[in-house]
Amino acid sequence: MADIASIIEMLENRWMRAWVSGDAKTLKALTSRKFRMVMGSKPCAILDASSWLAGASSRFLCTSYRFGDIYSRQLGSTAIFATQLEMKATMDGEDWSGRYWVTDIWQKSRLRRGWRIVERVVSRPEENADVPAAIRSLQLWRQPRAKLPASIAELVKPRP
């Protein structure tokens, strides 16, 4: 049996290449009818499968992408894929290129036994290095290595 990480990474690359090349047929084949895209913005924005597929072929165009460090995990017939995504993209001709954090959920169908993406959560990565350090300090299996901010307020202070 193949490693789930390599299977899901291959499917992610197929899905993204289909978007880049405008291959609506492959994009649709890999996208569940239950698909939702959640943009981690304030306020958040949600697209259903039909809206995503229409937008990906006409208004929200990606010309290139690159994954960063990849995390994947299988939970029964569900797999989670998370990575930093650097992409060149436009929305209605306006530049949307940049770095994003993407978390995708894939489900294996019972009938065809194939994987389809059911959820994508997209957000901008946190640039404040104190935030991941603070989260790591909560890990019970590690000893704190660095002095952490005294309060949450120090974490969210804008940098000069």
Protein backbone atom coordinates (compact mmCIF):
# COMPACT_ATOMS: atom_id res chain seq x y z
CA MET A 1 0.00 0.00 0.00
CA ALA A 2 1.33 3.42 -0.94
CA ASP A 3 2.12 6.01 1.70
CA ILE A 4 -0.82 8.42 2.18
CA ALA A 5 1.52 11.43 2.18
CA SER A 6 2.73 10.69 -1.35
CA ILE A 7 -0.80 9.92 -2.61
CA ILE A 8 -2.27 13.15 -1.25
CA GLU A 9 0.71 15.24 -2.39
CA MET A 10 0.31 13.79 -5.91
CA LEU A 11 -3.42 14.65 -5.87
CA GLU A 12 -2.68 18.16 -4.60
CA ASN A 13 -0.24 18.69 -7.46
CA ARG A 14 -2.80 17.37 -9.99
CA TRP A 15 -5.45 19.69 -8.56
CA MET A 16 -3.17 22.73 -8.62
CA ARG A 17 -1.79 21.93 -12.12
CA ALA A 18 -5.37 21.62 -13.38
CA TRP A 19 -6.08 25.10 -11.99
CA VAL A 20 -2.90 26.55 -13.54
CA SER A 21 -3.54 24.98 -16.94
CA GLY A 22 -7.26 25.75 -17.00
CA ASP A 23 -8.12 22.04 -17.10
CA ALA A 24 -11.71 22.34 -15.83
CA LYS A 25 -12.42 18.64 -16.40
CA THR A 26 -9.62 17.43 -14.09
CA LEU A 27 -10.34 20.16 -11.54
CA LYS A 28 -13.99 19.08 -11.42
CA ALA A 29 -13.08 15.37 -11.23
CA LEU A 30 -10.89 15.98 -8.16
CA THR A 31 -13.34 18.36 -6.44
CA SER A 32 -16.22 16.98 -4.39
CA ARG A 33 -19.73 18.33 -4.88
CA LYS A 34 -19.60 19.03 -1.12
CA PHE A 35 -16.45 21.18 -1.56
CA ARG A 36 -16.11 24.45 0.36
CA MET A 37 -13.30 27.01 0.19
CA VAL A 38 -12.96 29.16 3.28
CA MET A 39 -10.82 32.30 3.05
CA GLY A 40 -9.40 33.06 6.47
CA SER A 41 -10.07 36.78 6.28
CA LYS A 42 -12.11 39.15 8.38
CA PRO A 43 -14.90 38.60 7.65
CA CYS A 44 -14.31 35.13 6.27
CA ALA A 45 -15.56 34.28 2.79
CA ILE A 46 -16.85 30.91 1.64
CA LEU A 47 -17.19 29.44 -1.85
CA ASP A 48 -19.15 26.32 -2.72
CA ALA A 49 -17.95 23.85 -5.37
CA SER A 50 -19.85 25.43 -8.28
CA SER A 51 -18.63 28.93 -7.42
CA TRP A 52 -15.03 27.74 -7.01
CA LEU A 53 -15.01 25.81 -10.29
CA ALA A 54 -16.53 28.74 -12.23
CA GLY A 55 -14.19 31.28 -10.65
CA ALA A 56 -11.06 29.12 -11.09
CA SER A 57 -11.61 29.05 -14.84
CA SER A 58 -12.59 32.66 -15.40
CA ARG A 59 -11.86 35.20 -12.68
CA PHE A 60 -9.49 33.71 -10.06
CA LEU A 61 -6.56 32.52 -12.17
CA CYS A 62 -3.35 30.89 -10.97
CA THR A 63 -0.29 30.83 -13.24
CA SER A 64 2.22 29.10 -10.95
CA TYR A 65 2.54 27.63 -7.47
CA ARG A 66 5.02 26.05 -5.11
CA PHE A 67 4.40 24.11 -1.91
CA GLY A 68 6.54 24.63 1.19
CA ASP A 69 6.85 22.16 4.05
CA ILE A 70 4.05 19.64 3.86
CA TYR A 71 2.06 18.06 6.66
CA SER A 72 -0.35 15.24 5.90
CA ARG A 73 -2.31 12.78 7.95
CA GLN A 74 -4.92 10.12 7.29
CA LEU A 75 -7.90 9.64 9.59
CA GLY A 76 -9.83 6.70 8.18
CA SER A 77 -11.35 7.73 4.86
CA THR A 78 -10.26 11.36 5.39
CA ALA A 79 -6.84 12.88 4.77
CA ILE A 80 -5.54 16.27 5.79
CA PHE A 81 -2.94 18.18 3.78
CA ALA A 82 -1.42 21.43 5.03
CA THR A 83 1.36 23.54 3.55
CA GLN A 84 2.66 26.98 2.79
CA LEU A 85 1.59 27.82 -0.73
CA GLU A 86 3.41 30.40 -2.79
CA MET A 87 1.47 31.25 -5.91
CA LYS A 88 1.17 33.74 -8.71
CA ALA A 89 -2.49 34.52 -9.19
CA THR A 90 -4.91 37.21 -10.25
CA MET A 91 -8.50 37.96 -9.30
CA ASP A 92 -10.34 39.91 -12.00
CA GLY A 93 -6.93 40.96 -13.37
CA GLU A 94 -5.70 42.26 -9.98
CA ASP A 95 -2.54 40.68 -8.53
CA TRP A 96 -3.24 38.15 -5.75
CA SER A 97 0.23 36.63 -5.76
CA GLY A 98 1.84 35.81 -2.45
CA ARG A 99 2.31 33.30 0.30
CA TYR A 100 -0.68 31.57 1.81
CA TRP A 101 -1.26 28.85 4.36
CA VAL A 102 -3.51 26.14 2.93
CA THR A 103 -5.23 23.30 4.75
CA ASP A 104 -7.08 20.83 2.54
CA ILE A 105 -9.33 17.96 3.52
CA TRP A 106 -9.64 15.00 1.16
CA GLN A 107 -12.18 12.19 1.45
CA LYS A 108 -12.09 8.77 -0.11
CA SER A 109 -15.38 7.87 -1.74
CA ARG A 110 -17.00 4.59 -0.73
CA LEU A 111 -18.18 3.72 -4.23
CA ARG A 112 -15.27 4.59 -6.48
CA ARG A 113 -12.59 4.44 -3.78
CA GLY A 114 -11.07 7.63 -5.20
CA TRP A 115 -9.98 10.71 -3.28
CA ARG A 116 -11.70 14.09 -3.72
CA ILE A 117 -11.00 17.41 -2.07
CA VAL A 118 -13.91 18.50 0.15
CA GLU A 119 -12.50 21.54 1.94
CA ARG A 120 -9.77 24.16 1.47
CA VAL A 121 -8.99 26.76 4.11
CA VAL A 122 -6.75 29.57 2.89
CA SER A 123 -5.14 32.25 5.04
CA ARG A 124 -2.12 34.51 5.12
CA PRO A 125 0.76 33.18 7.23
CA GLU A 126 1.57 34.85 10.53
CA GLU A 127 4.70 36.98 10.11
CA ASN A 128 5.31 37.57 13.83
CA ALA A 129 7.90 34.94 14.86
CA ASP A 130 6.76 35.18 18.51
CA VAL A 131 3.41 33.56 17.68
CA PRO A 132 4.72 30.12 16.60
CA ALA A 133 7.23 30.23 19.47
CA ALA A 134 4.42 30.82 21.92
CA ILE A 135 2.39 27.95 20.45
CA ARG A 136 5.42 25.64 20.56
CA SER A 137 5.81 26.50 24.24
CA LEU A 138 2.47 24.76 24.84
CA GLN A 139 3.82 21.45 23.54
CA LEU A 140 4.04 19.16 26.54
CA TRP A 141 6.81 17.05 25.00
CA ARG A 142 9.22 20.01 24.65
CA GLN A 143 10.99 22.21 27.13
CA PRO A 144 10.67 25.97 26.54
CA ARG A 145 13.80 27.19 24.77
CA ALA A 146 13.27 30.89 24.41
CA LYS A 147 11.88 33.70 26.51
CA LEU A 148 8.29 34.18 25.48
CA PRO A 149 6.26 37.38 25.53
CA ALA A 150 4.70 38.14 28.90
CA SER A 151 1.22 38.57 27.47
CA ILE A 152 -0.95 38.06 24.42
CA ALA A 153 -0.92 41.84 23.94
CA GLU A 154 2.82 41.67 23.24
CA LEU A 155 2.16 39.05 20.56
CA VAL A 156 -0.28 41.15 18.60
CA LYS A 157 1.56 44.46 18.87
CA PRO A 158 2.34 45.75 15.38
CA ARG A 159 6.00 45.81 14.55
CA PRO A 160 7.53 49.23 13.88
